Amino acid sequence: MAFDIVRWDDMAIRRASRDPNALVYGAALSALSAAIIFLVTALPGMLTREGESPEAIFMGLLLGLVFFWTYMGIIALIQIGLCHAIAKIFLGATGTLVGVMRPLFLGWFVNVLILIPVVGVFAVGIAWTAVLMLVFEEIDGIGRMQAFLISAGINAVFVAMQILIPH
């Protein structure tokens, strides 16, 4: 169903929004995707450190992965919640937060596109905005342009915050 969601299959989005298991599967798929992103970006640097024991490398990767999962989970929840709140307050959205989170967690794996050199950031921005837009349109019952503006606007704010706020 996750692949159908990112291919803009509105039936899969509606089905996932009503499936209680979709939240669990979506969280697992999102965690796996985040782990792939973390390991591809952090592992080369960890392995090239001189004088590090295998135990230190393992503990560094484990702690880094837990931190990355927590950080990305919080960012995703805030982003999705903020988009849904804006749609609910200003546009009369009819969906529920859990109903929106289920298909979005399944579609979060598009963030793995960040690993593409040079264009990865743009690919993720486009793909994640498209997934957000379609889910908010289908589940919250708002217009496509409204869903696009909310999704693109919130994505732009989060990207700017991640670039401007020191790590």
N, C-alpha and C. Protein backbone atom coordinates (compact mmCIF):
# COMPACT_ATOMS: atom_id res chain seq x y z
N MET A 1 0.82 -1.19 0.00
CA MET A 1 0.00 0.00 0.00
C MET A 1 0.87 1.26 0.00
N ALA A 2 2.06 1.18 0.62
CA ALA A 2 2.94 2.35 0.70
C ALA A 2 3.34 2.81 -0.70
N PHE A 3 3.65 1.88 -1.59
CA PHE A 3 4.03 2.25 -2.95
C PHE A 3 2.85 2.85 -3.71
N ASP A 4 1.65 2.35 -3.43
CA ASP A 4 0.46 2.91 -4.06
C ASP A 4 0.22 4.35 -3.59
N ILE A 5 0.49 4.60 -2.32
CA ILE A 5 0.29 5.95 -1.78
C ILE A 5 1.21 6.94 -2.46
N VAL A 6 2.48 6.60 -2.63
CA VAL A 6 3.40 7.54 -3.26
C VAL A 6 3.20 7.63 -4.77
N ARG A 7 2.42 6.71 -5.33
CA ARG A 7 2.05 6.81 -6.75
C ARG A 7 0.72 7.51 -6.93
N TRP A 8 0.24 8.15 -5.88
CA TRP A 8 -0.98 8.97 -5.89
C TRP A 8 -2.25 8.15 -6.10
N ASP A 9 -2.31 6.97 -5.56
CA ASP A 9 -3.50 6.15 -5.64
C ASP A 9 -4.44 6.56 -4.51
N ASP A 10 -5.48 7.32 -4.86
CA ASP A 10 -6.38 7.85 -3.83
C ASP A 10 -7.13 6.76 -3.08
N MET A 11 -7.40 5.64 -3.73
CA MET A 11 -8.07 4.52 -3.06
C MET A 11 -7.17 3.94 -1.97
N ALA A 12 -5.89 3.81 -2.24
CA ALA A 12 -4.94 3.29 -1.24
C ALA A 12 -4.83 4.26 -0.07
N ILE A 13 -4.85 5.54 -0.35
CA ILE A 13 -4.78 6.55 0.71
C ILE A 13 -6.00 6.45 1.62
N ARG A 14 -7.18 6.35 1.03
CA ARG A 14 -8.40 6.24 1.84
C ARG A 14 -8.41 4.93 2.64
N ARG A 15 -7.97 3.84 2.00
CA ARG A 15 -7.92 2.54 2.68
C ARG A 15 -6.95 2.58 3.86
N ALA A 16 -5.77 3.16 3.64
CA ALA A 16 -4.77 3.25 4.71
C ALA A 16 -5.25 4.13 5.85
N SER A 17 -6.00 5.17 5.54
CA SER A 17 -6.47 6.09 6.58
C SER A 17 -7.45 5.42 7.54
N ARG A 18 -8.09 4.35 7.08
CA ARG A 18 -9.06 3.65 7.93
C ARG A 18 -8.49 2.37 8.56
N ASP A 19 -7.28 1.98 8.16
CA ASP A 19 -6.68 0.73 8.62
C ASP A 19 -5.86 0.98 9.89
N PRO A 20 -6.28 0.44 11.05
CA PRO A 20 -5.53 0.67 12.28
C PRO A 20 -4.10 0.12 12.23
N ASN A 21 -3.87 -0.92 11.44
CA ASN A 21 -2.53 -1.49 11.32
C ASN A 21 -1.60 -0.62 10.49
N ALA A 22 -2.15 0.28 9.70
CA ALA A 22 -1.32 1.13 8.83
C ALA A 22 -0.40 2.03 9.65
N LEU A 23 -0.83 2.44 10.82
CA LEU A 23 0.02 3.28 11.66
C LEU A 23 1.25 2.51 12.14
N VAL A 24 1.05 1.26 12.53
CA VAL A 24 2.17 0.43 12.98
C VAL A 24 3.12 0.13 11.82
N TYR A 25 2.55 -0.28 10.68
CA TYR A 25 3.39 -0.57 9.52
C TYR A 25 4.08 0.69 9.02
N GLY A 26 3.37 1.79 9.04
CA GLY A 26 3.95 3.05 8.61
C GLY A 26 5.09 3.49 9.52
N ALA A 27 4.92 3.32 10.82
CA ALA A 27 5.99 3.67 11.76
C ALA A 27 7.21 2.79 11.53
N ALA A 28 6.98 1.50 11.28
CA ALA A 28 8.10 0.58 11.03
C ALA A 28 8.81 0.93 9.71
N LEU A 29 8.04 1.22 8.67
CA LEU A 29 8.63 1.58 7.39
C LEU A 29 9.37 2.92 7.48
N SER A 30 8.81 3.85 8.21
CA SER A 30 9.46 5.15 8.41
C SER A 30 10.76 4.98 9.19
N ALA A 31 10.74 4.14 10.22
CA ALA A 31 11.95 3.88 11.02
C ALA A 31 13.02 3.21 10.16
N LEU A 32 12.61 2.27 9.32
CA LEU A 32 13.57 1.62 8.42
C LEU A 32 14.16 2.62 7.44
N SER A 33 13.33 3.48 6.89
CA SER A 33 13.80 4.51 5.96
C SER A 33 14.76 5.47 6.64
N ALA A 34 14.43 5.89 7.85
CA ALA A 34 15.31 6.79 8.59
C ALA A 34 16.63 6.10 8.92
N ALA A 35 16.58 4.81 9.24
CA ALA A 35 17.81 4.06 9.52
C ALA A 35 18.70 3.99 8.28
N ILE A 36 18.10 3.79 7.13
CA ILE A 36 18.87 3.75 5.88
C ILE A 36 19.54 5.09 5.64
N ILE A 37 18.79 6.17 5.80
CA ILE A 37 19.35 7.51 5.61
C ILE A 37 20.50 7.74 6.59
N PHE A 38 20.29 7.41 7.85
CA PHE A 38 21.33 7.63 8.86
C PHE A 38 22.57 6.79 8.56
N LEU A 39 22.38 5.51 8.28
CA LEU A 39 23.53 4.64 8.07
C LEU A 39 24.33 5.02 6.82
N VAL A 40 23.65 5.39 5.76
CA VAL A 40 24.36 5.78 4.54
C VAL A 40 25.15 7.06 4.75
N THR A 41 24.61 7.98 5.55
CA THR A 41 25.31 9.25 5.76
C THR A 41 26.34 9.18 6.88
N ALA A 42 26.11 8.38 7.91
CA ALA A 42 27.00 8.39 9.08
C ALA A 42 28.04 7.28 9.06
N LEU A 43 27.73 6.14 8.51
CA LEU A 43 28.62 4.99 8.57
C LEU A 43 30.00 5.24 7.96
N PRO A 44 30.10 5.85 6.78
CA PRO A 44 31.44 6.08 6.23
C PRO A 44 32.33 6.92 7.15
N GLY A 45 31.79 7.94 7.76
CA GLY A 45 32.57 8.76 8.67
C GLY A 45 32.97 8.02 9.93
N MET A 46 32.08 7.16 10.41
CA MET A 46 32.38 6.40 11.62
C MET A 46 33.47 5.35 11.36
N LEU A 47 33.44 4.74 10.19
CA LEU A 47 34.39 3.67 9.89
C LEU A 47 35.79 4.20 9.57
N THR A 48 35.90 5.45 9.18
CA THR A 48 37.21 5.99 8.82
C THR A 48 37.92 6.68 9.99
N ARG A 49 37.35 6.67 11.15
CA ARG A 49 38.01 7.25 12.33
C ARG A 49 39.17 6.36 12.75
N GLU A 50 40.28 6.98 13.01
CA GLU A 50 41.45 6.22 13.44
C GLU A 50 41.38 5.93 14.93
N GLY A 51 41.78 4.73 15.28
CA GLY A 51 41.89 4.36 16.68
C GLY A 51 40.59 4.02 17.36
N GLU A 52 39.51 3.93 16.64
CA GLU A 52 38.21 3.60 17.24
C GLU A 52 38.05 2.08 17.32
N SER A 53 37.60 1.61 18.44
CA SER A 53 37.34 0.18 18.59
C SER A 53 35.99 -0.15 17.95
N PRO A 54 35.81 -1.40 17.58
CA PRO A 54 34.51 -1.79 17.01
C PRO A 54 33.35 -1.51 17.97
N GLU A 55 33.60 -1.66 19.28
CA GLU A 55 32.56 -1.40 20.26
C GLU A 55 32.17 0.08 20.27
N ALA A 56 33.17 0.95 20.17
CA ALA A 56 32.89 2.39 20.16
C ALA A 56 32.12 2.78 18.90
N ILE A 57 32.49 2.19 17.77
CA ILE A 57 31.77 2.46 16.53
C ILE A 57 30.33 1.98 16.63
N PHE A 58 30.14 0.78 17.16
CA PHE A 58 28.80 0.22 17.32
C PHE A 58 27.95 1.10 18.23
N MET A 59 28.51 1.50 19.38
CA MET A 59 27.76 2.33 20.32
C MET A 59 27.45 3.71 19.71
N GLY A 60 28.40 4.26 18.97
CA GLY A 60 28.17 5.54 18.30
C GLY A 60 27.06 5.44 17.28
N LEU A 61 27.06 4.36 16.51
CA LEU A 61 26.00 4.17 15.52
C LEU A 61 24.65 3.92 16.20
N LEU A 62 24.65 3.13 17.26
CA LEU A 62 23.41 2.84 17.96
C LEU A 62 22.81 4.10 18.58
N LEU A 63 23.62 4.87 19.29
CA LEU A 63 23.12 6.10 19.90
C LEU A 63 22.72 7.13 18.85
N GLY A 64 23.52 7.21 17.79
CA GLY A 64 23.18 8.12 16.71
C GLY A 64 21.87 7.75 16.05
N LEU A 65 21.64 6.46 15.86
CA LEU A 65 20.40 5.99 15.24
C LEU A 65 19.20 6.29 16.13
N VAL A 66 19.33 6.06 17.41
CA VAL A 66 18.23 6.36 18.34
C VAL A 66 17.92 7.86 18.33
N PHE A 67 18.97 8.68 18.35
CA PHE A 67 18.77 10.12 18.29
C PHE A 67 18.10 10.52 16.97
N PHE A 68 18.57 9.95 15.85
CA PHE A 68 18.02 10.29 14.54
C PHE A 68 16.57 9.87 14.44
N TRP A 69 16.22 8.67 14.93
CA TRP A 69 14.83 8.23 14.92
C TRP A 69 13.96 9.19 15.73
N THR A 70 14.43 9.57 16.90
CA THR A 70 13.66 10.48 17.75
C THR A 70 13.49 11.83 17.07
N TYR A 71 14.58 12.38 16.55
CA TYR A 71 14.56 13.68 15.89
C TYR A 71 13.63 13.67 14.68
N MET A 72 13.77 12.70 13.81
CA MET A 72 12.95 12.64 12.60
C MET A 72 11.48 12.36 12.95
N GLY A 73 11.24 11.55 13.97
CA GLY A 73 9.87 11.29 14.40
C GLY A 73 9.18 12.54 14.91
N ILE A 74 9.90 13.31 15.71
CA ILE A 74 9.34 14.56 16.23
C ILE A 74 9.08 15.55 15.10
N ILE A 75 10.05 15.67 14.20
CA ILE A 75 9.88 16.58 13.05
C ILE A 75 8.66 16.18 12.22
N ALA A 76 8.54 14.88 11.93
CA ALA A 76 7.41 14.40 11.12
C ALA A 76 6.08 14.66 11.82
N LEU A 77 6.02 14.37 13.12
CA LEU A 77 4.77 14.59 13.85
C LEU A 77 4.39 16.07 13.90
N ILE A 78 5.37 16.93 14.14
CA ILE A 78 5.08 18.37 14.17
C ILE A 78 4.63 18.84 12.80
N GLN A 79 5.33 18.40 11.76
CA GLN A 79 4.99 18.83 10.40
C GLN A 79 3.59 18.38 10.00
N ILE A 80 3.29 17.13 10.22
CA ILE A 80 1.97 16.60 9.87
C ILE A 80 0.89 17.26 10.73
N GLY A 81 1.14 17.37 12.03
CA GLY A 81 0.17 17.99 12.93
C GLY A 81 -0.09 19.44 12.59
N LEU A 82 0.95 20.17 12.23
CA LEU A 82 0.80 21.58 11.87
C LEU A 82 -0.02 21.74 10.58
N CYS A 83 0.30 20.93 9.59
CA CYS A 83 -0.48 20.97 8.34
C CYS A 83 -1.95 20.65 8.61
N HIS A 84 -2.19 19.61 9.40
CA HIS A 84 -3.57 19.21 9.69
C HIS A 84 -4.29 20.29 10.49
N ALA A 85 -3.59 20.89 11.46
CA ALA A 85 -4.22 21.94 12.27
C ALA A 85 -4.59 23.14 11.42
N ILE A 86 -3.72 23.55 10.51
CA ILE A 86 -4.02 24.67 9.61
C ILE A 86 -5.23 24.34 8.75
N ALA A 87 -5.25 23.10 8.22
CA ALA A 87 -6.39 22.69 7.39
C ALA A 87 -7.67 22.65 8.21
N LYS A 88 -7.60 22.20 9.43
CA LYS A 88 -8.77 22.10 10.29
C LYS A 88 -9.30 23.48 10.69
N ILE A 89 -8.38 24.35 11.15
CA ILE A 89 -8.79 25.65 11.69
C ILE A 89 -9.24 26.61 10.59
N PHE A 90 -8.47 26.69 9.52
CA PHE A 90 -8.73 27.71 8.51
C PHE A 90 -9.53 27.23 7.30
N LEU A 91 -9.52 25.93 7.04
CA LEU A 91 -10.16 25.44 5.82
C LEU A 91 -11.29 24.45 6.06
N GLY A 92 -11.62 24.20 7.30
CA GLY A 92 -12.74 23.31 7.62
C GLY A 92 -12.49 21.87 7.25
N ALA A 93 -11.27 21.40 7.44
CA ALA A 93 -10.94 20.01 7.13
C ALA A 93 -11.81 19.07 7.96
N THR A 94 -12.14 17.93 7.37
CA THR A 94 -13.05 17.00 8.03
C THR A 94 -12.37 15.74 8.53
N GLY A 95 -11.11 15.51 8.19
CA GLY A 95 -10.41 14.30 8.61
C GLY A 95 -9.90 14.39 10.03
N THR A 96 -9.33 13.27 10.49
CA THR A 96 -8.73 13.23 11.82
C THR A 96 -7.21 13.18 11.68
N LEU A 97 -6.52 13.55 12.74
CA LEU A 97 -5.06 13.53 12.71
C LEU A 97 -4.54 12.11 12.50
N VAL A 98 -5.13 11.14 13.18
CA VAL A 98 -4.70 9.75 13.02
C VAL A 98 -5.00 9.27 11.59
N GLY A 99 -6.14 9.66 11.06
CA GLY A 99 -6.49 9.30 9.69
C GLY A 99 -5.52 9.85 8.66
N VAL A 100 -4.94 10.98 8.95
CA VAL A 100 -3.95 11.60 8.07
C VAL A 100 -2.57 10.96 8.29
N MET A 101 -2.25 10.65 9.55
CA MET A 101 -0.94 10.10 9.86
C MET A 101 -0.73 8.71 9.28
N ARG A 102 -1.75 7.91 9.22
CA ARG A 102 -1.60 6.53 8.73
C ARG A 102 -1.02 6.47 7.32
N PRO A 103 -1.63 7.11 6.33
CA PRO A 103 -1.03 7.05 4.99
C PRO A 103 0.27 7.85 4.87
N LEU A 104 0.41 8.91 5.66
CA LEU A 104 1.63 9.71 5.56
C LEU A 104 2.83 8.96 6.13
N PHE A 105 2.65 8.20 7.20
CA PHE A 105 3.76 7.40 7.72
C PHE A 105 4.15 6.32 6.71
N LEU A 106 3.15 5.76 6.02
CA LEU A 106 3.47 4.77 4.98
C LEU A 106 4.22 5.41 3.82
N GLY A 107 3.90 6.65 3.51
CA GLY A 107 4.55 7.33 2.39
C GLY A 107 5.82 8.07 2.76
N TRP A 108 6.21 8.05 4.04
CA TRP A 108 7.38 8.81 4.49
C TRP A 108 8.67 8.30 3.85
N PHE A 109 8.66 7.07 3.36
CA PHE A 109 9.88 6.50 2.80
C PHE A 109 10.41 7.28 1.60
N VAL A 110 9.62 8.18 1.02
CA VAL A 110 10.13 8.99 -0.10
C VAL A 110 11.30 9.86 0.35
N ASN A 111 11.46 10.05 1.65
CA ASN A 111 12.57 10.84 2.16
C ASN A 111 13.93 10.19 1.92
N VAL A 112 13.94 8.91 1.55
CA VAL A 112 15.19 8.23 1.21
C VAL A 112 15.80 8.86 -0.05
N LEU A 113 15.01 9.57 -0.82
CA LEU A 113 15.53 10.25 -2.01
C LEU A 113 16.61 11.27 -1.67
N ILE A 114 16.70 11.66 -0.40
CA ILE A 114 17.72 12.61 0.04
C ILE A 114 19.12 12.07 -0.25
N LEU A 115 19.25 10.77 -0.40
CA LEU A 115 20.55 10.15 -0.62
C LEU A 115 21.07 10.33 -2.05
N ILE A 116 20.23 10.82 -2.94
CA ILE A 116 20.67 11.07 -4.31
C ILE A 116 21.58 12.28 -4.30
N PRO A 117 22.80 12.13 -4.80
CA PRO A 117 23.72 13.27 -4.79
C PRO A 117 23.17 14.46 -5.58
N VAL A 118 23.45 15.64 -5.12
CA VAL A 118 23.14 16.94 -5.72
C VAL A 118 21.65 17.25 -5.73
N VAL A 119 20.81 16.41 -6.29
CA VAL A 119 19.40 16.72 -6.46
C VAL A 119 18.50 16.08 -5.40
N GLY A 120 19.08 15.36 -4.45
CA GLY A 120 18.29 14.65 -3.46
C GLY A 120 17.38 15.53 -2.63
N VAL A 121 17.89 16.68 -2.21
CA VAL A 121 17.08 17.60 -1.40
C VAL A 121 15.85 18.07 -2.18
N PHE A 122 16.05 18.38 -3.44
CA PHE A 122 14.93 18.84 -4.27
C PHE A 122 13.94 17.70 -4.55
N ALA A 123 14.48 16.50 -4.79
CA ALA A 123 13.62 15.34 -5.05
C ALA A 123 12.74 15.04 -3.84
N VAL A 124 13.33 15.10 -2.64
CA VAL A 124 12.55 14.87 -1.43
C VAL A 124 11.50 15.95 -1.25
N GLY A 125 11.89 17.19 -1.47
CA GLY A 125 10.93 18.29 -1.33
C GLY A 125 9.73 18.12 -2.22
N ILE A 126 9.98 17.77 -3.46
CA ILE A 126 8.88 17.58 -4.42
C ILE A 126 8.04 16.37 -4.05
N ALA A 127 8.70 15.23 -3.78
CA ALA A 127 7.97 14.00 -3.50
C ALA A 127 7.16 14.09 -2.22
N TRP A 128 7.76 14.62 -1.14
CA TRP A 128 7.06 14.70 0.14
C TRP A 128 5.93 15.71 0.06
N THR A 129 6.13 16.82 -0.63
CA THR A 129 5.05 17.80 -0.81
C THR A 129 3.88 17.17 -1.56
N ALA A 130 4.19 16.38 -2.59
CA ALA A 130 3.13 15.74 -3.37
C ALA A 130 2.35 14.75 -2.52
N VAL A 131 3.05 13.96 -1.72
CA VAL A 131 2.37 12.98 -0.87
C VAL A 131 1.52 13.70 0.17
N LEU A 132 2.09 14.71 0.83
CA LEU A 132 1.31 15.49 1.81
C LEU A 132 0.06 16.08 1.17
N MET A 133 0.25 16.69 0.01
CA MET A 133 -0.86 17.36 -0.67
C MET A 133 -1.99 16.38 -0.96
N LEU A 134 -1.66 15.24 -1.53
CA LEU A 134 -2.71 14.31 -1.91
C LEU A 134 -3.42 13.73 -0.68
N VAL A 135 -2.67 13.42 0.37
CA VAL A 135 -3.29 12.88 1.58
C VAL A 135 -4.22 13.92 2.21
N PHE A 136 -3.77 15.17 2.30
CA PHE A 136 -4.64 16.19 2.88
C PHE A 136 -5.86 16.45 2.01
N GLU A 137 -5.68 16.38 0.72
CA GLU A 137 -6.83 16.56 -0.17
C GLU A 137 -7.84 15.43 0.03
N GLU A 138 -7.36 14.19 0.06
CA GLU A 138 -8.25 13.03 0.16
C GLU A 138 -8.87 12.87 1.55
N ILE A 139 -8.05 12.95 2.58
CA ILE A 139 -8.52 12.62 3.93
C ILE A 139 -9.14 13.82 4.63
N ASP A 140 -8.55 14.99 4.47
CA ASP A 140 -9.10 16.18 5.13
C ASP A 140 -10.19 16.85 4.31
N GLY A 141 -10.32 16.46 3.05
CA GLY A 141 -11.39 16.99 2.22
C GLY A 141 -11.23 18.45 1.84
N ILE A 142 -10.00 18.88 1.65
CA ILE A 142 -9.76 20.27 1.22
C ILE A 142 -9.35 20.27 -0.25
N GLY A 143 -9.39 21.42 -0.87
CA GLY A 143 -9.06 21.54 -2.28
C GLY A 143 -7.59 21.26 -2.55
N ARG A 144 -7.30 20.87 -3.78
CA ARG A 144 -5.94 20.50 -4.16
C ARG A 144 -4.98 21.69 -4.01
N MET A 145 -5.39 22.87 -4.45
CA MET A 145 -4.50 24.03 -4.35
C MET A 145 -4.27 24.40 -2.89
N GLN A 146 -5.31 24.33 -2.08
CA GLN A 146 -5.15 24.61 -0.65
C GLN A 146 -4.20 23.60 0.00
N ALA A 147 -4.38 22.34 -0.34
CA ALA A 147 -3.51 21.29 0.21
C ALA A 147 -2.07 21.50 -0.25
N PHE A 148 -1.90 21.90 -1.51
CA PHE A 148 -0.54 22.16 -2.03
C PHE A 148 0.10 23.32 -1.29
N LEU A 149 -0.64 24.41 -1.12
CA LEU A 149 -0.07 25.59 -0.46
C LEU A 149 0.31 25.30 0.99
N ILE A 150 -0.52 24.56 1.70
CA ILE A 150 -0.19 24.19 3.07
C ILE A 150 1.05 23.30 3.10
N SER A 151 1.06 22.26 2.27
CA SER A 151 2.18 21.31 2.25
C SER A 151 3.48 21.98 1.84
N ALA A 152 3.45 22.74 0.77
CA ALA A 152 4.66 23.41 0.29
C ALA A 152 5.13 24.46 1.28
N GLY A 153 4.21 25.20 1.86
CA GLY A 153 4.58 26.24 2.81
C GLY A 153 5.22 25.67 4.06
N ILE A 154 4.62 24.63 4.62
CA ILE A 154 5.18 24.00 5.82
C ILE A 154 6.53 23.35 5.50
N ASN A 155 6.63 22.69 4.35
CA ASN A 155 7.92 22.09 3.95
C ASN A 155 8.99 23.16 3.82
N ALA A 156 8.67 24.28 3.22
CA ALA A 156 9.64 25.35 3.05
C ALA A 156 10.11 25.89 4.41
N VAL A 157 9.18 26.05 5.33
CA VAL A 157 9.54 26.54 6.66
C VAL A 157 10.46 25.54 7.37
N PHE A 158 10.14 24.25 7.28
CA PHE A 158 10.97 23.25 7.95
C PHE A 158 12.35 23.13 7.32
N VAL A 159 12.44 23.22 6.01
CA VAL A 159 13.75 23.19 5.34
C VAL A 159 14.56 24.40 5.75
N ALA A 160 13.94 25.57 5.77
CA ALA A 160 14.65 26.79 6.18
C ALA A 160 15.12 26.68 7.63
N MET A 161 14.28 26.13 8.50
CA MET A 161 14.69 25.98 9.90
C MET A 161 15.87 25.02 10.02
N GLN A 162 15.86 23.93 9.27
CA GLN A 162 16.95 22.97 9.36
C GLN A 162 18.25 23.54 8.80
N ILE A 163 18.14 24.43 7.85
CA ILE A 163 19.35 25.04 7.28
C ILE A 163 19.85 26.15 8.18
N LEU A 164 18.94 26.98 8.69
CA LEU A 164 19.34 28.16 9.45
C LEU A 164 19.69 27.90 10.91
N ILE A 165 19.04 26.91 11.53
CA ILE A 165 19.31 26.62 12.94
C ILE A 165 20.56 25.73 13.00
N PRO A 166 21.56 26.17 13.76
CA PRO A 166 22.78 25.35 13.87
C PRO A 166 22.49 24.00 14.49
N HIS A 167 23.19 22.98 14.01
CA HIS A 167 22.97 21.61 14.51
C HIS A 167 23.63 21.43 15.84
